[in-house]
Amino acid sequence: MTEAAQPSEFSEGLWLFDSPHLWALFLCLLAIVCVPLIGRCLSLQNRRRAVWALVAFAIAQELVDYGNRASVRGLNLAHDLPLHICNYALAIAAVGLAARNRFCFELAYLVGFTAVLQALLTPDLTDFLNLTEYVVYFIHHGLIILFALWNVVVDGMVTRRGAVWRTFAFLNLMILPVAVVNWLLDANYMYLRKIPNVDNPLVFGEWPRYIVNVEVIGLLLLILANIPMRLLRRRNAR
């Protein structure tokens, strides 16, 4: 186990679905549901202001996250590059929110309701240095889903045909450069070299078999997550 993966005193007091975890999930759900509904009631001008406020908030929480890491343990290339799926998913979701870019929205929506949702429900509890990192973790992941739902509820966007395969292809293309970074830095971005330390029945097996398992299960989850979008497309077509 690497030094950064050693449980901190704070993380040793955490349990899956304990009171802090349930409160974090509740507050994430409240924001994910309420913010897009409020945005739907705003004027066009105020919607744009709200969008840029949300993007600014996403940037601010990233600055808080990296500032906290730097002050507690220092930053290093092997652990702090934004190369996990949820790291670059937030940046892509922010582009989808601000520019209403179709591909960015599709990736944010599909990744949000698969990988990001899994990360919210079954986080690696040994990975939190302090309360600040715990809070920012849930804000970061919740924002990805919130941004995608804003595109759906406020902007009326739906995924296009082939969105699942485009997203799946993009995620697999990301494996190649990230694998090179992992090899150069002895890192574990995208969990390509070591299975994540999570209590999740969908993540299992030894290396490299667990990567194949995640690929197959991930594709099935992407297909399931896209079903509501297909239904919306059919309704809009009528």
C-alpha atoms as a PDB file:
ATOM      1  CA  MET A   1       0.000   0.000   0.000  1.00  0.00           C
ATOM      2  CA  THR A   2       1.371   3.387  -0.932  1.00  0.00           C
ATOM      3  CA  GLU A   3       1.847   6.138   1.571  1.00  0.00           C
ATOM      4  CA  ALA A   4      -1.104   8.130   0.215  1.00  0.00           C
ATOM      5  CA  ALA A   5      -3.343   5.059   0.593  1.00  0.00           C
ATOM      6  CA  GLN A   6      -2.588   4.619   4.304  1.00  0.00           C
ATOM      7  CA  PRO A   7      -5.798   5.280   6.298  1.00  0.00           C
ATOM      8  CA  SER A   8      -5.731   8.547   8.193  1.00  0.00           C
ATOM      9  CA  GLU A   9      -7.029   8.983  11.716  1.00  0.00           C
ATOM     10  CA  PHE A  10     -10.084  10.683  10.228  1.00  0.00           C
ATOM     11  CA  SER A  11     -10.829   7.903   7.725  1.00  0.00           C
ATOM     12  CA  GLU A  12     -10.559   5.183  10.361  1.00  0.00           C
ATOM     13  CA  GLY A  13     -13.726   6.561  11.973  1.00  0.00           C
ATOM     14  CA  LEU A  14     -15.771   6.295   8.760  1.00  0.00           C
ATOM     15  CA  TRP A  15     -18.122   3.506   7.755  1.00  0.00           C
ATOM     16  CA  LEU A  16     -20.136   2.880   4.624  1.00  0.00           C
ATOM     17  CA  PHE A  17     -23.655   4.323   5.027  1.00  0.00           C
ATOM     18  CA  ASP A  18     -22.887   5.716   8.470  1.00  0.00           C
ATOM     19  CA  SER A  19     -24.496   8.989   9.517  1.00  0.00           C
ATOM     20  CA  PRO A  20     -22.002  11.299   7.699  1.00  0.00           C
ATOM     21  CA  HIS A  21     -22.272   9.219   4.536  1.00  0.00           C
ATOM     22  CA  LEU A  22     -26.085   9.213   4.581  1.00  0.00           C
ATOM     23  CA  TRP A  23     -26.173  12.971   5.205  1.00  0.00           C
ATOM     24  CA  ALA A  24     -23.741  13.518   2.335  1.00  0.00           C
ATOM     25  CA  LEU A  25     -25.885  11.404   0.007  1.00  0.00           C
ATOM     26  CA  PHE A  26     -29.059  13.200   1.109  1.00  0.00           C
ATOM     27  CA  LEU A  27     -27.572  16.660   0.523  1.00  0.00           C
ATOM     28  CA  CYS A  28     -26.200  15.582  -2.863  1.00  0.00           C
ATOM     29  CA  LEU A  29     -29.618  14.257  -3.870  1.00  0.00           C
ATOM     30  CA  LEU A  30     -31.309  17.437  -2.649  1.00  0.00           C
ATOM     31  CA  ALA A  31     -28.987  19.626  -4.740  1.00  0.00           C
ATOM     32  CA  ILE A  32     -29.140  17.340  -7.786  1.00  0.00           C
ATOM     33  CA  VAL A  33     -32.946  17.469  -7.803  1.00  0.00           C
ATOM     34  CA  CYS A  34     -33.649  21.016  -6.636  1.00  0.00           C
ATOM     35  CA  VAL A  35     -31.040  23.078  -8.505  1.00  0.00           C
ATOM     36  CA  PRO A  36     -32.171  22.042 -12.019  1.00  0.00           C
ATOM     37  CA  LEU A  37     -35.827  22.530 -11.020  1.00  0.00           C
ATOM     38  CA  ILE A  38     -35.032  26.032  -9.783  1.00  0.00           C
ATOM     39  CA  GLY A  39     -33.090  26.702 -12.988  1.00  0.00           C
ATOM     40  CA  ARG A  40     -36.122  25.743 -15.032  1.00  0.00           C
ATOM     41  CA  CYS A  41     -38.086  28.559 -13.358  1.00  0.00           C
ATOM     42  CA  LEU A  42     -35.486  31.245 -14.089  1.00  0.00           C
ATOM     43  CA  SER A  43     -35.467  33.664 -16.995  1.00  0.00           C
ATOM     44  CA  LEU A  44     -32.986  32.997 -19.806  1.00  0.00           C
ATOM     45  CA  GLN A  45     -30.641  35.711 -18.556  1.00  0.00           C
ATOM     46  CA  ASN A  46     -30.708  34.418 -14.999  1.00  0.00           C
ATOM     47  CA  ARG A  47     -30.190  30.877 -16.212  1.00  0.00           C
ATOM     48  CA  ARG A  48     -26.919  31.893 -17.856  1.00  0.00           C
ATOM     49  CA  ARG A  49     -25.868  33.655 -14.671  1.00  0.00           C
ATOM     50  CA  ALA A  50     -26.709  30.539 -12.681  1.00  0.00           C
ATOM     51  CA  VAL A  51     -24.732  28.370 -15.107  1.00  0.00           C
ATOM     52  CA  TRP A  52     -21.596  30.477 -14.730  1.00  0.00           C
ATOM     53  CA  ALA A  53     -22.100  30.559 -10.963  1.00  0.00           C
ATOM     54  CA  LEU A  54     -22.188  26.760 -10.945  1.00  0.00           C
ATOM     55  CA  VAL A  55     -19.048  26.563 -13.081  1.00  0.00           C
ATOM     56  CA  ALA A  56     -17.302  29.019 -10.752  1.00  0.00           C
ATOM     57  CA  PHE A  57     -18.398  26.931  -7.770  1.00  0.00           C
ATOM     58  CA  ALA A  58     -16.964  23.802  -9.397  1.00  0.00           C
ATOM     59  CA  ILE A  59     -13.620  25.557  -9.922  1.00  0.00           C
ATOM     60  CA  ALA A  60     -13.644  26.883  -6.357  1.00  0.00           C
ATOM     61  CA  GLN A  61     -14.211  23.474  -4.803  1.00  0.00           C
ATOM     62  CA  GLU A  62     -11.325  22.078  -6.880  1.00  0.00           C
ATOM     63  CA  LEU A  63      -9.056  24.838  -5.575  1.00  0.00           C
ATOM     64  CA  VAL A  64     -10.152  24.032  -2.031  1.00  0.00           C
ATOM     65  CA  ASP A  65      -9.477  20.337  -2.630  1.00  0.00           C
ATOM     66  CA  TYR A  66      -5.960  20.847  -3.973  1.00  0.00           C
ATOM     67  CA  GLY A  67      -5.177  23.489  -1.369  1.00  0.00           C
ATOM     68  CA  ASN A  68      -6.243  21.090   1.359  1.00  0.00           C
ATOM     69  CA  ARG A  69      -4.132  18.266  -0.037  1.00  0.00           C
ATOM     70  CA  ALA A  70      -1.106  20.548  -0.338  1.00  0.00           C
ATOM     71  CA  SER A  71      -1.427  21.729   3.250  1.00  0.00           C
ATOM     72  CA  VAL A  72      -1.980  18.267   4.741  1.00  0.00           C
ATOM     73  CA  ARG A  73       0.442  16.021   2.844  1.00  0.00           C
ATOM     74  CA  GLY A  74       1.817  17.957  -0.121  1.00  0.00           C
ATOM     75  CA  LEU A  75       1.062  17.373  -3.785  1.00  0.00           C
ATOM     76  CA  ASN A  76       2.763  14.768  -5.955  1.00  0.00           C
ATOM     77  CA  LEU A  77       2.388  13.588  -9.542  1.00  0.00           C
ATOM     78  CA  ALA A  78       1.612   9.985  -8.627  1.00  0.00           C
ATOM     79  CA  HIS A  79      -1.556  10.857  -6.701  1.00  0.00           C
ATOM     80  CA  ASP A  80      -2.800  14.313  -7.612  1.00  0.00           C
ATOM     81  CA  LEU A  81      -3.116  14.546 -11.392  1.00  0.00           C
ATOM     82  CA  PRO A  82      -6.775  14.797 -12.531  1.00  0.00           C
ATOM     83  CA  LEU A  83      -6.677  11.477 -14.383  1.00  0.00           C
ATOM     84  CA  HIS A  84      -9.351   9.424 -12.660  1.00  0.00           C
ATOM     85  CA  ILE A  85     -12.632   9.180 -14.565  1.00  0.00           C
ATOM     86  CA  CYS A  86     -14.482  11.409 -12.100  1.00  0.00           C
ATOM     87  CA  ASN A  87     -11.729  14.043 -12.308  1.00  0.00           C
ATOM     88  CA  TYR A  88     -12.005  14.725 -16.005  1.00  0.00           C
ATOM     89  CA  ALA A  89     -15.753  13.966 -16.007  1.00  0.00           C
ATOM     90  CA  LEU A  90     -16.340  17.123 -13.949  1.00  0.00           C
ATOM     91  CA  ALA A  91     -14.411  19.272 -16.445  1.00  0.00           C
ATOM     92  CA  ILE A  92     -16.332  17.707 -19.338  1.00  0.00           C
ATOM     93  CA  ALA A  93     -19.640  18.152 -17.499  1.00  0.00           C
ATOM     94  CA  ALA A  94     -18.829  21.831 -16.928  1.00  0.00           C
ATOM     95  CA  VAL A  95     -18.224  22.295 -20.660  1.00  0.00           C
ATOM     96  CA  GLY A  96     -21.500  20.540 -21.370  1.00  0.00           C
ATOM     97  CA  LEU A  97     -23.279  22.820 -18.917  1.00  0.00           C
ATOM     98  CA  ALA A  98     -21.782  26.103 -20.161  1.00  0.00           C
ATOM     99  CA  ALA A  99     -21.619  25.385 -23.900  1.00  0.00           C
ATOM    100  CA  ARG A 100     -24.436  22.853 -24.148  1.00  0.00           C
ATOM    101  CA  ASN A 101     -22.047  20.647 -26.058  1.00  0.00           C
ATOM    102  CA  ARG A 102     -23.792  17.401 -27.004  1.00  0.00           C
ATOM    103  CA  PHE A 103     -20.848  15.042 -26.604  1.00  0.00           C
ATOM    104  CA  CYS A 104     -19.841  16.537 -23.244  1.00  0.00           C
ATOM    105  CA  PHE A 105     -23.420  16.306 -22.003  1.00  0.00           C
ATOM    106  CA  GLU A 106     -23.724  12.685 -23.118  1.00  0.00           C
ATOM    107  CA  LEU A 107     -20.508  11.672 -21.429  1.00  0.00           C
ATOM    108  CA  ALA A 108     -21.388  13.551 -18.226  1.00  0.00           C
ATOM    109  CA  TYR A 109     -24.854  12.015 -18.106  1.00  0.00           C
ATOM    110  CA  LEU A 110     -23.768   8.439 -18.816  1.00  0.00           C
ATOM    111  CA  VAL A 111     -20.671   8.516 -16.629  1.00  0.00           C
ATOM    112  CA  GLY A 112     -22.607  10.405 -13.948  1.00  0.00           C
ATOM    113  CA  PHE A 113     -25.297   7.770 -13.611  1.00  0.00           C
ATOM    114  CA  THR A 114     -22.837   4.880 -13.704  1.00  0.00           C
ATOM    115  CA  ALA A 115     -19.279   5.445 -12.423  1.00  0.00           C
ATOM    116  CA  VAL A 116     -19.971   8.636 -10.466  1.00  0.00           C
ATOM    117  CA  LEU A 117     -23.056   7.201  -8.793  1.00  0.00           C
ATOM    118  CA  GLN A 118     -21.027   4.156  -7.784  1.00  0.00           C
ATOM    119  CA  ALA A 119     -18.366   6.449  -6.336  1.00  0.00           C
ATOM    120  CA  LEU A 120     -20.975   8.267  -4.251  1.00  0.00           C
ATOM    121  CA  LEU A 121     -22.532   5.073  -2.920  1.00  0.00           C
ATOM    122  CA  THR A 122     -19.311   3.151  -2.271  1.00  0.00           C
ATOM    123  CA  PRO A 123     -16.376   5.555  -1.798  1.00  0.00           C
ATOM    124  CA  ASP A 124     -12.929   4.405  -0.763  1.00  0.00           C
ATOM    125  CA  LEU A 125     -13.206   5.351   2.908  1.00  0.00           C
ATOM    126  CA  THR A 126      -9.457   4.932   3.477  1.00  0.00           C
ATOM    127  CA  ASP A 127      -8.725   7.749   1.027  1.00  0.00           C
ATOM    128  CA  PHE A 128      -9.928  10.744   3.064  1.00  0.00           C
ATOM    129  CA  LEU A 129      -7.377  12.866   4.870  1.00  0.00           C
ATOM    130  CA  ASN A 130      -9.805  15.055   6.803  1.00  0.00           C
ATOM    131  CA  LEU A 131     -13.333  16.464   6.840  1.00  0.00           C
ATOM    132  CA  THR A 132     -12.539  18.988   4.108  1.00  0.00           C
ATOM    133  CA  GLU A 133     -11.545  16.264   1.651  1.00  0.00           C
ATOM    134  CA  TYR A 134     -14.624  14.227   2.620  1.00  0.00           C
ATOM    135  CA  VAL A 135     -16.984  17.133   1.941  1.00  0.00           C
ATOM    136  CA  VAL A 136     -15.280  18.163  -1.299  1.00  0.00           C
ATOM    137  CA  TYR A 137     -15.385  14.557  -2.553  1.00  0.00           C
ATOM    138  CA  PHE A 138     -19.180  14.485  -2.421  1.00  0.00           C
ATOM    139  CA  ILE A 139     -19.505  17.998  -3.846  1.00  0.00           C
ATOM    140  CA  HIS A 140     -17.220  17.086  -6.768  1.00  0.00           C
ATOM    141  CA  HIS A 141     -19.107  13.920  -7.668  1.00  0.00           C
ATOM    142  CA  GLY A 142     -22.539  15.396  -7.041  1.00  0.00           C
ATOM    143  CA  LEU A 143     -21.799  18.296  -9.406  1.00  0.00           C
ATOM    144  CA  ILE A 144     -21.203  15.941 -12.337  1.00  0.00           C
ATOM    145  CA  ILE A 145     -24.706  14.501 -12.057  1.00  0.00           C
ATOM    146  CA  LEU A 146     -26.200  17.918 -11.292  1.00  0.00           C
ATOM    147  CA  PHE A 147     -24.651  19.489 -14.407  1.00  0.00           C
ATOM    148  CA  ALA A 148     -25.931  16.681 -16.627  1.00  0.00           C
ATOM    149  CA  LEU A 149     -29.439  16.916 -15.167  1.00  0.00           C
ATOM    150  CA  TRP A 150     -29.430  20.684 -15.673  1.00  0.00           C
ATOM    151  CA  ASN A 151     -28.823  19.999 -19.367  1.00  0.00           C
ATOM    152  CA  VAL A 152     -31.793  17.618 -19.369  1.00  0.00           C
ATOM    153  CA  VAL A 153     -34.279  19.550 -17.240  1.00  0.00           C
ATOM    154  CA  VAL A 154     -33.405  23.145 -18.171  1.00  0.00           C
ATOM    155  CA  ASP A 155     -31.937  22.823 -21.672  1.00  0.00           C
ATOM    156  CA  GLY A 156     -34.113  19.922 -22.824  1.00  0.00           C
ATOM    157  CA  MET A 157     -31.133  17.890 -23.999  1.00  0.00           C
ATOM    158  CA  VAL A 158     -31.200  14.134 -24.578  1.00  0.00           C
ATOM    159  CA  THR A 159     -28.502  11.726 -25.655  1.00  0.00           C
ATOM    160  CA  ARG A 160     -28.236  10.914 -29.355  1.00  0.00           C
ATOM    161  CA  ARG A 161     -28.132   7.503 -30.956  1.00  0.00           C
ATOM    162  CA  GLY A 162     -24.752   5.902 -30.410  1.00  0.00           C
ATOM    163  CA  ALA A 163     -24.052   7.898 -27.229  1.00  0.00           C
ATOM    164  CA  VAL A 164     -23.313   4.739 -25.241  1.00  0.00           C
ATOM    165  CA  TRP A 165     -20.728   3.546 -27.750  1.00  0.00           C
ATOM    166  CA  ARG A 166     -19.120   6.978 -28.096  1.00  0.00           C
ATOM    167  CA  THR A 167     -18.795   7.236 -24.321  1.00  0.00           C
ATOM    168  CA  PHE A 168     -17.488   3.682 -24.023  1.00  0.00           C
ATOM    169  CA  ALA A 169     -14.951   4.305 -26.793  1.00  0.00           C
ATOM    170  CA  PHE A 170     -13.779   7.576 -25.208  1.00  0.00           C
ATOM    171  CA  LEU A 171     -13.244   5.949 -21.809  1.00  0.00           C
ATOM    172  CA  ASN A 172     -11.257   3.141 -23.392  1.00  0.00           C
ATOM    173  CA  LEU A 173      -9.164   5.568 -25.429  1.00  0.00           C
ATOM    174  CA  MET A 174      -8.298   7.347 -22.181  1.00  0.00           C
ATOM    175  CA  ILE A 175      -6.836   4.099 -20.877  1.00  0.00           C
ATOM    176  CA  LEU A 176      -3.840   4.305 -23.220  1.00  0.00           C
ATOM    177  CA  PRO A 177      -2.317   7.661 -22.148  1.00  0.00           C
ATOM    178  CA  VAL A 178      -3.298   7.090 -18.514  1.00  0.00           C
ATOM    179  CA  ALA A 179      -1.593   3.676 -18.554  1.00  0.00           C
ATOM    180  CA  VAL A 180       1.597   5.338 -19.787  1.00  0.00           C
ATOM    181  CA  VAL A 181       1.395   7.920 -16.983  1.00  0.00           C
ATOM    182  CA  ASN A 182       0.837   5.113 -14.460  1.00  0.00           C
ATOM    183  CA  TRP A 183       3.917   3.285 -15.745  1.00  0.00           C
ATOM    184  CA  LEU A 184       6.102   6.389 -15.664  1.00  0.00           C
ATOM    185  CA  LEU A 185       4.982   7.578 -12.223  1.00  0.00           C
ATOM    186  CA  ASP A 186       4.217   4.245 -10.528  1.00  0.00           C
ATOM    187  CA  ALA A 187       0.653   5.546 -10.124  1.00  0.00           C
ATOM    188  CA  ASN A 188      -2.809   3.959 -10.199  1.00  0.00           C
ATOM    189  CA  TYR A 189      -4.963   6.426 -12.126  1.00  0.00           C
ATOM    190  CA  MET A 190      -8.254   4.969 -13.382  1.00  0.00           C
ATOM    191  CA  TYR A 191      -7.344   2.017 -11.113  1.00  0.00           C
ATOM    192  CA  LEU A 192      -5.555   0.300 -13.985  1.00  0.00           C
ATOM    193  CA  ARG A 193      -2.843  -1.272 -11.826  1.00  0.00           C
ATOM    194  CA  LYS A 194      -4.701  -2.044  -8.606  1.00  0.00           C
ATOM    195  CA  ILE A 195      -8.347  -2.650  -7.812  1.00  0.00           C
ATOM    196  CA  PRO A 196      -9.960   0.223  -5.862  1.00  0.00           C
ATOM    197  CA  ASN A 197     -10.424  -0.355  -2.143  1.00  0.00           C
ATOM    198  CA  VAL A 198     -14.223  -0.176  -2.221  1.00  0.00           C
ATOM    199  CA  ASP A 199     -16.983  -2.371  -0.799  1.00  0.00           C
ATOM    200  CA  ASN A 200     -18.813  -2.744  -4.095  1.00  0.00           C
ATOM    201  CA  PRO A 201     -20.151  -6.080  -5.426  1.00  0.00           C
ATOM    202  CA  LEU A 202     -19.705  -4.846  -9.000  1.00  0.00           C
ATOM    203  CA  VAL A 203     -15.938  -4.379  -8.552  1.00  0.00           C
ATOM    204  CA  PHE A 204     -14.233  -7.722  -8.040  1.00  0.00           C
ATOM    205  CA  GLY A 205     -11.418  -9.994  -9.184  1.00  0.00           C
ATOM    206  CA  GLU A 206      -7.652  -9.869  -9.377  1.00  0.00           C
ATOM    207  CA  TRP A 207      -5.547  -7.857 -11.830  1.00  0.00           C
ATOM    208  CA  PRO A 208      -6.014  -7.837 -14.774  1.00  0.00           C
ATOM    209  CA  ARG A 209      -9.305  -9.784 -14.674  1.00  0.00           C
ATOM    210  CA  TYR A 210     -11.089  -7.093 -12.666  1.00  0.00           C
ATOM    211  CA  ILE A 211     -10.487  -4.620 -15.522  1.00  0.00           C
ATOM    212  CA  VAL A 212     -12.343  -6.949 -17.905  1.00  0.00           C
ATOM    213  CA  ASN A 213     -15.123  -7.313 -15.321  1.00  0.00           C
ATOM    214  CA  VAL A 214     -15.438  -3.533 -14.998  1.00  0.00           C
ATOM    215  CA  GLU A 215     -15.493  -3.156 -18.804  1.00  0.00           C
ATOM    216  CA  VAL A 216     -18.382  -5.612 -19.209  1.00  0.00           C
ATOM    217  CA  ILE A 217     -20.382  -4.402 -16.196  1.00  0.00           C
ATOM    218  CA  GLY A 218     -19.675  -0.774 -17.094  1.00  0.00           C
ATOM    219  CA  LEU A 219     -21.034  -1.236 -20.619  1.00  0.00           C
ATOM    220  CA  LEU A 220     -24.197  -2.839 -19.243  1.00  0.00           C
ATOM    221  CA  LEU A 221     -24.649   0.055 -16.798  1.00  0.00           C
ATOM    222  CA  LEU A 222     -24.181   2.585 -19.607  1.00  0.00           C
ATOM    223  CA  ILE A 223     -26.914   0.848 -21.600  1.00  0.00           C
ATOM    224  CA  LEU A 224     -29.249   0.888 -18.581  1.00  0.00           C
ATOM    225  CA  ALA A 225     -28.517   4.544 -17.824  1.00  0.00           C
ATOM    226  CA  ASN A 226     -29.366   5.447 -21.411  1.00  0.00           C
ATOM    227  CA  ILE A 227     -32.849   3.881 -21.310  1.00  0.00           C
ATOM    228  CA  PRO A 228     -34.550   7.042 -19.907  1.00  0.00           C
ATOM    229  CA  MET A 229     -32.891   9.075 -22.660  1.00  0.00           C
ATOM    230  CA  ARG A 230     -34.175   6.700 -25.334  1.00  0.00           C
ATOM    231  CA  LEU A 231     -37.685   7.038 -23.927  1.00  0.00           C
ATOM    232  CA  LEU A 232     -37.386  10.831 -23.968  1.00  0.00           C
ATOM    233  CA  ARG A 233     -36.166  10.741 -27.573  1.00  0.00           C
ATOM    234  CA  ARG A 234     -39.173   8.680 -28.589  1.00  0.00           C
ATOM    235  CA  ARG A 235     -41.536  11.028 -26.760  1.00  0.00           C
ATOM    236  CA  ASN A 236     -39.961  14.058 -28.420  1.00  0.00           C
ATOM    237  CA  ALA A 237     -40.172  12.375 -31.817  1.00  0.00           C
ATOM    238  CA  ARG A 238     -43.928  12.121 -31.454  1.00  0.00           C
END
